[in-house]
Each structure stands twice: as C-alpha cells, then as structure tokens.
Amino acid sequence: GLDRLLDSLRKSKASGKSSSIVVIAEGDKIGKNAFELKDYVEENMPEYDVRVSILGHMQRGGSPSCFDRVLASRLGVRAVETLIEGNSNYMVGLIKDEIVLTPLEQAVKGKTQVDKELIRVSDIVSI
C-alpha cells in the first residue's frame, strides 16, 4: 500500500522525473483520504512538494460529446422498450455500435479481459 507508493515515487525521482501524479479512487481504503496520504508522503519524503486536488464529476468526465448524448439516448430508449416488452433484469450496452441486452446475472458474473496493450503502455509511460 503506502510503502509501494513511496517506492514508486522514489523510483520516479531517481529516473529524473521532476513530478508525479497520484490518482486515488473515491472509495479507496489505502488512506482515509487524500489529505492523509499527502501527510504520509510529506513525513517520509520531506523533499516533495505535495498538493491535493479533489476532482468533481464534471472535471472527471468533462462535457459530453455529441456521441455521448446520442449513445445515452439510444441506451435509454432501448431500456424503456425492454421494460415495455415485459422484460427486466437486463443490462443495456453497446457492442460494435449495436445496442445489445445482456442478462444482469451474466453482466455481473462475466469476466472482463484486461487489454494487455494498455497495461504495457501504462508501464512504459509511468517509468
């Protein structure tokens, strides 16, 4: 947890990086809050200038694009149509630009595959 964070910051500094960005999920239990993590890093790495920014919903997601608005409408229409047809317990989604229904049980228990290319790029960029 916290020791791994410090190790990562030390490696970044040793590789010549002058700054790092640490992203913490809202529900993450590594620390009570971002300010507690800030204090922890400052205590263990006093040479670091640590700043905390709490992002709001609009900052995280940005303004919806035309695609986002049309997709939301398409998904909403299909969800309502599904209920009118007497069907429930489905997730409405998009596969290859086609609106599809997936049984909730399958959606919840289904396995997602992590894109190994994204992991590779993340590892390279975070060096």
N, C-alpha and C. Protein backbone atom coordinates (compact mmCIF):
# COMPACT_ATOMS: atom_id res chain seq x y z
N GLY A 1 0.80 -1.20 0.00
CA GLY A 1 0.00 0.00 0.00
C GLY A 1 0.84 1.25 0.00
N LEU A 2 1.01 1.83 1.18
CA LEU A 2 1.69 3.11 1.30
C LEU A 2 3.18 2.99 1.01
N ASP A 3 3.79 1.88 1.41
CA ASP A 3 5.22 1.69 1.12
C ASP A 3 5.45 1.56 -0.38
N ARG A 4 4.52 0.91 -1.07
CA ARG A 4 4.64 0.78 -2.52
C ARG A 4 4.55 2.15 -3.19
N LEU A 5 3.68 3.02 -2.66
CA LEU A 5 3.56 4.37 -3.18
C LEU A 5 4.89 5.11 -3.03
N LEU A 6 5.49 5.02 -1.84
CA LEU A 6 6.78 5.69 -1.61
C LEU A 6 7.85 5.12 -2.53
N ASP A 7 7.89 3.79 -2.71
CA ASP A 7 8.87 3.17 -3.62
C ASP A 7 8.71 3.71 -5.03
N SER A 8 7.46 3.81 -5.48
CA SER A 8 7.20 4.30 -6.82
C SER A 8 7.65 5.75 -6.97
N LEU A 9 7.38 6.58 -5.97
CA LEU A 9 7.81 7.98 -6.02
C LEU A 9 9.33 8.08 -6.02
N ARG A 10 9.99 7.25 -5.24
CA ARG A 10 11.46 7.27 -5.20
C ARG A 10 12.06 6.85 -6.55
N LYS A 11 11.47 5.81 -7.16
CA LYS A 11 11.96 5.36 -8.47
C LYS A 11 11.77 6.44 -9.52
N SER A 12 10.62 7.10 -9.48
CA SER A 12 10.37 8.18 -10.44
C SER A 12 11.38 9.30 -10.29
N LYS A 13 11.65 9.67 -9.05
CA LYS A 13 12.61 10.75 -8.78
C LYS A 13 14.00 10.33 -9.24
N ALA A 14 14.38 9.07 -8.96
CA ALA A 14 15.70 8.56 -9.35
C ALA A 14 15.87 8.52 -10.86
N SER A 15 14.76 8.33 -11.58
CA SER A 15 14.86 8.26 -13.04
C SER A 15 14.89 9.65 -13.68
N GLY A 16 14.82 10.70 -12.84
CA GLY A 16 14.93 12.05 -13.37
C GLY A 16 13.62 12.81 -13.47
N LYS A 17 12.52 12.17 -13.10
CA LYS A 17 11.24 12.88 -13.16
C LYS A 17 11.21 13.96 -12.09
N SER A 18 10.67 15.11 -12.47
CA SER A 18 10.62 16.22 -11.51
C SER A 18 9.27 16.30 -10.81
N SER A 19 8.29 15.50 -11.28
CA SER A 19 6.98 15.50 -10.62
C SER A 19 6.28 14.17 -10.88
N SER A 20 5.29 13.90 -10.05
CA SER A 20 4.48 12.68 -10.19
C SER A 20 3.03 13.04 -9.91
N ILE A 21 2.13 12.29 -10.50
CA ILE A 21 0.71 12.44 -10.23
C ILE A 21 0.21 11.14 -9.63
N VAL A 22 -0.44 11.23 -8.49
CA VAL A 22 -1.01 10.05 -7.83
C VAL A 22 -2.53 10.20 -7.89
N VAL A 23 -3.19 9.20 -8.46
CA VAL A 23 -4.65 9.23 -8.58
C VAL A 23 -5.23 8.24 -7.59
N ILE A 24 -6.19 8.69 -6.80
CA ILE A 24 -6.80 7.85 -5.78
C ILE A 24 -8.29 7.76 -6.07
N ALA A 25 -8.81 6.55 -6.14
CA ALA A 25 -10.25 6.36 -6.34
C ALA A 25 -11.00 6.83 -5.11
N GLU A 26 -12.23 7.30 -5.31
CA GLU A 26 -13.03 7.83 -4.21
C GLU A 26 -13.19 6.83 -3.07
N GLY A 27 -13.40 5.57 -3.39
CA GLY A 27 -13.67 4.57 -2.36
C GLY A 27 -12.45 3.81 -1.90
N ASP A 28 -11.25 4.26 -2.30
CA ASP A 28 -10.03 3.52 -1.97
C ASP A 28 -9.78 3.55 -0.48
N LYS A 29 -9.36 2.42 0.07
CA LYS A 29 -9.16 2.29 1.52
C LYS A 29 -7.69 2.40 1.93
N ILE A 30 -6.80 2.79 1.01
CA ILE A 30 -5.38 2.87 1.34
C ILE A 30 -5.13 3.93 2.41
N GLY A 31 -5.93 4.95 2.43
CA GLY A 31 -5.85 6.01 3.43
C GLY A 31 -7.24 6.56 3.64
N LYS A 32 -7.46 7.24 4.75
CA LYS A 32 -8.80 7.76 5.00
C LYS A 32 -9.19 8.78 3.95
N ASN A 33 -8.22 9.54 3.47
CA ASN A 33 -8.49 10.48 2.40
C ASN A 33 -7.18 10.94 1.77
N ALA A 34 -7.31 11.72 0.73
CA ALA A 34 -6.13 12.17 0.00
C ALA A 34 -5.23 13.03 0.89
N PHE A 35 -5.81 13.76 1.83
CA PHE A 35 -5.01 14.62 2.69
C PHE A 35 -4.15 13.80 3.66
N GLU A 36 -4.67 12.64 4.07
CA GLU A 36 -3.89 11.75 4.92
C GLU A 36 -2.69 11.21 4.14
N LEU A 37 -2.90 10.86 2.87
CA LEU A 37 -1.79 10.40 2.03
C LEU A 37 -0.76 11.51 1.83
N LYS A 38 -1.24 12.72 1.64
CA LYS A 38 -0.35 13.87 1.49
C LYS A 38 0.56 13.98 2.71
N ASP A 39 -0.04 13.90 3.89
CA ASP A 39 0.74 13.99 5.13
C ASP A 39 1.76 12.86 5.23
N TYR A 40 1.35 11.66 4.83
CA TYR A 40 2.24 10.49 4.89
C TYR A 40 3.46 10.68 3.98
N VAL A 41 3.21 11.14 2.76
CA VAL A 41 4.31 11.36 1.81
C VAL A 41 5.22 12.47 2.33
N GLU A 42 4.64 13.55 2.81
CA GLU A 42 5.46 14.67 3.32
C GLU A 42 6.32 14.24 4.51
N GLU A 43 5.78 13.38 5.39
CA GLU A 43 6.54 12.91 6.55
C GLU A 43 7.71 12.03 6.11
N ASN A 44 7.49 11.19 5.09
CA ASN A 44 8.51 10.23 4.67
C ASN A 44 9.41 10.73 3.55
N MET A 45 8.97 11.75 2.84
CA MET A 45 9.76 12.32 1.75
C MET A 45 9.63 13.85 1.82
N PRO A 46 10.25 14.46 2.81
CA PRO A 46 10.07 15.90 3.03
C PRO A 46 10.53 16.77 1.85
N GLU A 47 11.34 16.20 0.97
CA GLU A 47 11.80 16.97 -0.20
C GLU A 47 10.69 17.17 -1.24
N TYR A 48 9.60 16.42 -1.11
CA TYR A 48 8.49 16.51 -2.07
C TYR A 48 7.55 17.65 -1.71
N ASP A 49 7.14 18.39 -2.70
CA ASP A 49 6.09 19.40 -2.55
C ASP A 49 4.80 18.72 -2.98
N VAL A 50 3.93 18.39 -2.03
CA VAL A 50 2.73 17.61 -2.31
C VAL A 50 1.51 18.52 -2.33
N ARG A 51 0.70 18.38 -3.37
CA ARG A 51 -0.55 19.14 -3.48
C ARG A 51 -1.69 18.17 -3.73
N VAL A 52 -2.87 18.50 -3.21
CA VAL A 52 -4.05 17.66 -3.38
C VAL A 52 -5.08 18.42 -4.19
N SER A 53 -5.63 17.76 -5.19
CA SER A 53 -6.74 18.31 -5.97
C SER A 53 -7.87 17.29 -5.96
N ILE A 54 -9.04 17.70 -5.48
CA ILE A 54 -10.20 16.82 -5.47
C ILE A 54 -11.03 17.17 -6.70
N LEU A 55 -11.15 16.20 -7.61
CA LEU A 55 -11.88 16.45 -8.85
C LEU A 55 -13.36 16.22 -8.66
N GLY A 56 -14.16 17.10 -9.22
CA GLY A 56 -15.61 16.93 -9.21
C GLY A 56 -16.04 16.10 -10.41
N HIS A 57 -17.33 15.81 -10.49
CA HIS A 57 -17.85 14.98 -11.58
C HIS A 57 -17.55 15.57 -12.95
N MET A 58 -17.74 16.86 -13.11
CA MET A 58 -17.51 17.47 -14.44
C MET A 58 -16.04 17.44 -14.81
N GLN A 59 -15.16 17.63 -13.83
CA GLN A 59 -13.74 17.59 -14.13
C GLN A 59 -13.31 16.18 -14.51
N ARG A 60 -13.88 15.17 -13.85
CA ARG A 60 -13.50 13.79 -14.16
C ARG A 60 -14.02 13.37 -15.53
N GLY A 61 -15.26 13.75 -15.82
CA GLY A 61 -15.87 13.26 -17.04
C GLY A 61 -15.87 14.25 -18.19
N GLY A 62 -15.76 15.51 -17.88
CA GLY A 62 -15.80 16.52 -18.92
C GLY A 62 -17.22 16.66 -19.47
N SER A 63 -17.36 17.53 -20.42
CA SER A 63 -18.66 17.74 -21.05
C SER A 63 -18.94 16.62 -22.03
N PRO A 64 -20.18 16.15 -22.08
CA PRO A 64 -20.49 15.07 -23.03
C PRO A 64 -20.37 15.54 -24.48
N SER A 65 -19.85 14.66 -25.31
CA SER A 65 -19.75 14.95 -26.74
C SER A 65 -21.09 14.61 -27.40
N CYS A 66 -21.21 14.91 -28.68
CA CYS A 66 -22.41 14.56 -29.43
C CYS A 66 -22.60 13.04 -29.38
N PHE A 67 -21.52 12.27 -29.54
CA PHE A 67 -21.59 10.81 -29.47
C PHE A 67 -22.15 10.37 -28.12
N ASP A 68 -21.66 10.98 -27.03
CA ASP A 68 -22.13 10.62 -25.69
C ASP A 68 -23.62 10.85 -25.55
N ARG A 69 -24.09 12.00 -26.03
CA ARG A 69 -25.51 12.34 -25.91
C ARG A 69 -26.39 11.39 -26.72
N VAL A 70 -25.96 11.09 -27.93
CA VAL A 70 -26.74 10.18 -28.79
C VAL A 70 -26.73 8.77 -28.19
N LEU A 71 -25.57 8.33 -27.69
CA LEU A 71 -25.47 7.00 -27.09
C LEU A 71 -26.38 6.90 -25.86
N ALA A 72 -26.37 7.92 -25.01
CA ALA A 72 -27.23 7.90 -23.83
C ALA A 72 -28.70 7.79 -24.24
N SER A 73 -29.08 8.51 -25.30
CA SER A 73 -30.47 8.43 -25.77
C SER A 73 -30.80 7.05 -26.32
N ARG A 74 -29.87 6.48 -27.09
CA ARG A 74 -30.09 5.15 -27.65
C ARG A 74 -30.25 4.11 -26.55
N LEU A 75 -29.36 4.18 -25.54
CA LEU A 75 -29.42 3.22 -24.44
C LEU A 75 -30.71 3.40 -23.64
N GLY A 76 -31.09 4.65 -23.40
CA GLY A 76 -32.32 4.92 -22.64
C GLY A 76 -33.55 4.42 -23.36
N VAL A 77 -33.64 4.67 -24.67
CA VAL A 77 -34.79 4.21 -25.45
C VAL A 77 -34.88 2.69 -25.41
N ARG A 78 -33.74 2.02 -25.60
CA ARG A 78 -33.76 0.54 -25.60
C ARG A 78 -34.13 0.00 -24.22
N ALA A 79 -33.66 0.64 -23.16
CA ALA A 79 -34.00 0.19 -21.80
C ALA A 79 -35.50 0.30 -21.56
N VAL A 80 -36.10 1.42 -21.96
CA VAL A 80 -37.55 1.61 -21.77
C VAL A 80 -38.32 0.62 -22.64
N GLU A 81 -37.91 0.44 -23.89
CA GLU A 81 -38.58 -0.53 -24.77
C GLU A 81 -38.53 -1.93 -24.18
N THR A 82 -37.39 -2.29 -23.60
CA THR A 82 -37.24 -3.62 -22.99
C THR A 82 -38.23 -3.80 -21.85
N LEU A 83 -38.40 -2.78 -21.02
CA LEU A 83 -39.36 -2.86 -19.92
C LEU A 83 -40.79 -2.93 -20.44
N ILE A 84 -41.11 -2.14 -21.47
CA ILE A 84 -42.46 -2.15 -22.05
C ILE A 84 -42.79 -3.52 -22.61
N GLU A 85 -41.76 -4.19 -23.16
CA GLU A 85 -41.95 -5.53 -23.72
C GLU A 85 -42.12 -6.58 -22.61
N GLY A 86 -42.00 -6.16 -21.36
CA GLY A 86 -42.18 -7.09 -20.24
C GLY A 86 -40.90 -7.78 -19.81
N ASN A 87 -39.78 -7.34 -20.32
CA ASN A 87 -38.50 -7.95 -19.95
C ASN A 87 -37.79 -7.07 -18.92
N SER A 88 -37.19 -7.73 -17.93
CA SER A 88 -36.41 -6.99 -16.94
C SER A 88 -35.16 -7.79 -16.61
N ASN A 89 -34.35 -7.25 -15.75
CA ASN A 89 -33.08 -7.87 -15.35
C ASN A 89 -32.10 -7.99 -16.51
N TYR A 90 -32.05 -6.96 -17.33
CA TYR A 90 -31.09 -6.88 -18.42
C TYR A 90 -30.26 -5.62 -18.29
N MET A 91 -29.03 -5.70 -18.74
CA MET A 91 -28.18 -4.53 -18.87
C MET A 91 -28.20 -4.15 -20.34
N VAL A 92 -28.37 -2.87 -20.61
CA VAL A 92 -28.34 -2.38 -21.98
C VAL A 92 -26.92 -1.89 -22.25
N GLY A 93 -26.34 -2.30 -23.36
CA GLY A 93 -24.97 -1.91 -23.66
C GLY A 93 -24.73 -1.74 -25.13
N LEU A 94 -23.48 -1.49 -25.47
CA LEU A 94 -23.08 -1.25 -26.86
C LEU A 94 -21.96 -2.21 -27.21
N ILE A 95 -22.18 -2.99 -28.28
CA ILE A 95 -21.14 -3.86 -28.81
C ILE A 95 -21.06 -3.60 -30.31
N LYS A 96 -19.88 -3.15 -30.75
CA LYS A 96 -19.66 -2.85 -32.18
C LYS A 96 -20.76 -1.95 -32.73
N ASP A 97 -21.05 -0.88 -32.02
CA ASP A 97 -22.04 0.14 -32.39
C ASP A 97 -23.46 -0.41 -32.48
N GLU A 98 -23.72 -1.54 -31.85
CA GLU A 98 -25.08 -2.10 -31.83
C GLU A 98 -25.55 -2.18 -30.38
N ILE A 99 -26.77 -1.71 -30.13
CA ILE A 99 -27.34 -1.77 -28.79
C ILE A 99 -27.75 -3.21 -28.51
N VAL A 100 -27.23 -3.77 -27.42
CA VAL A 100 -27.50 -5.17 -27.09
C VAL A 100 -27.96 -5.28 -25.64
N LEU A 101 -28.68 -6.38 -25.35
CA LEU A 101 -29.13 -6.69 -24.00
C LEU A 101 -28.28 -7.84 -23.45
N THR A 102 -27.87 -7.71 -22.21
CA THR A 102 -27.14 -8.78 -21.54
C THR A 102 -27.85 -9.06 -20.23
N PRO A 103 -28.20 -10.33 -19.95
CA PRO A 103 -28.82 -10.64 -18.66
C PRO A 103 -27.95 -10.13 -17.51
N LEU A 104 -28.58 -9.50 -16.51
CA LEU A 104 -27.82 -8.93 -15.39
C LEU A 104 -26.91 -9.94 -14.73
N GLU A 105 -27.40 -11.16 -14.56
CA GLU A 105 -26.58 -12.19 -13.92
C GLU A 105 -25.28 -12.42 -14.70
N GLN A 106 -25.39 -12.44 -16.01
CA GLN A 106 -24.20 -12.63 -16.85
C GLN A 106 -23.31 -11.39 -16.79
N ALA A 107 -23.92 -10.20 -16.79
CA ALA A 107 -23.15 -8.96 -16.76
C ALA A 107 -22.35 -8.85 -15.47
N VAL A 108 -22.93 -9.26 -14.35
CA VAL A 108 -22.27 -9.15 -13.06
C VAL A 108 -21.20 -10.21 -12.89
N LYS A 109 -21.48 -11.43 -13.35
CA LYS A 109 -20.55 -12.54 -13.16
C LYS A 109 -19.58 -12.70 -14.32
N GLY A 110 -19.85 -11.99 -15.40
CA GLY A 110 -18.99 -12.11 -16.58
C GLY A 110 -17.57 -11.67 -16.29
N LYS A 111 -16.65 -12.23 -17.01
CA LYS A 111 -15.25 -11.88 -16.83
C LYS A 111 -14.86 -10.86 -17.90
N THR A 112 -14.17 -9.83 -17.46
CA THR A 112 -13.67 -8.85 -18.41
C THR A 112 -12.21 -9.15 -18.67
N GLN A 113 -11.79 -8.86 -19.86
CA GLN A 113 -10.42 -9.10 -20.21
C GLN A 113 -9.67 -7.78 -20.20
N VAL A 114 -8.57 -7.74 -19.48
CA VAL A 114 -7.77 -6.54 -19.42
C VAL A 114 -6.96 -6.44 -20.69
N ASP A 115 -6.98 -5.26 -21.29
CA ASP A 115 -6.23 -5.02 -22.52
C ASP A 115 -4.74 -4.95 -22.18
N LYS A 116 -4.00 -5.98 -22.55
CA LYS A 116 -2.59 -6.05 -22.21
C LYS A 116 -1.79 -4.92 -22.85
N GLU A 117 -2.24 -4.44 -23.98
CA GLU A 117 -1.55 -3.31 -24.63
C GLU A 117 -1.64 -2.07 -23.75
N LEU A 118 -2.81 -1.84 -23.12
CA LEU A 118 -2.96 -0.68 -22.25
C LEU A 118 -2.06 -0.79 -21.02
N ILE A 119 -1.91 -2.01 -20.49
CA ILE A 119 -1.02 -2.23 -19.35
C ILE A 119 0.43 -1.94 -19.76
N ARG A 120 0.81 -2.43 -20.93
CA ARG A 120 2.16 -2.21 -21.45
C ARG A 120 2.45 -0.72 -21.60
N VAL A 121 1.49 0.01 -22.20
CA VAL A 121 1.68 1.44 -22.41
C VAL A 121 1.76 2.16 -21.06
N SER A 122 0.92 1.76 -20.12
CA SER A 122 0.94 2.36 -18.78
C SER A 122 2.29 2.15 -18.11
N ASP A 123 2.83 0.95 -18.22
CA ASP A 123 4.14 0.67 -17.63
C ASP A 123 5.24 1.53 -18.25
N ILE A 124 5.18 1.70 -19.56
CA ILE A 124 6.20 2.50 -20.26
C ILE A 124 6.08 3.97 -19.89
N VAL A 125 4.88 4.48 -19.90
CA VAL A 125 4.66 5.91 -19.63
C VAL A 125 4.98 6.26 -18.17
N SER A 126 4.78 5.32 -17.25
CA SER A 126 4.98 5.63 -15.83
C SER A 126 6.41 5.42 -15.35
N ILE A 127 7.34 5.13 -16.26
CA ILE A 127 8.74 4.90 -15.87
C ILE A 127 9.36 6.22 -15.46
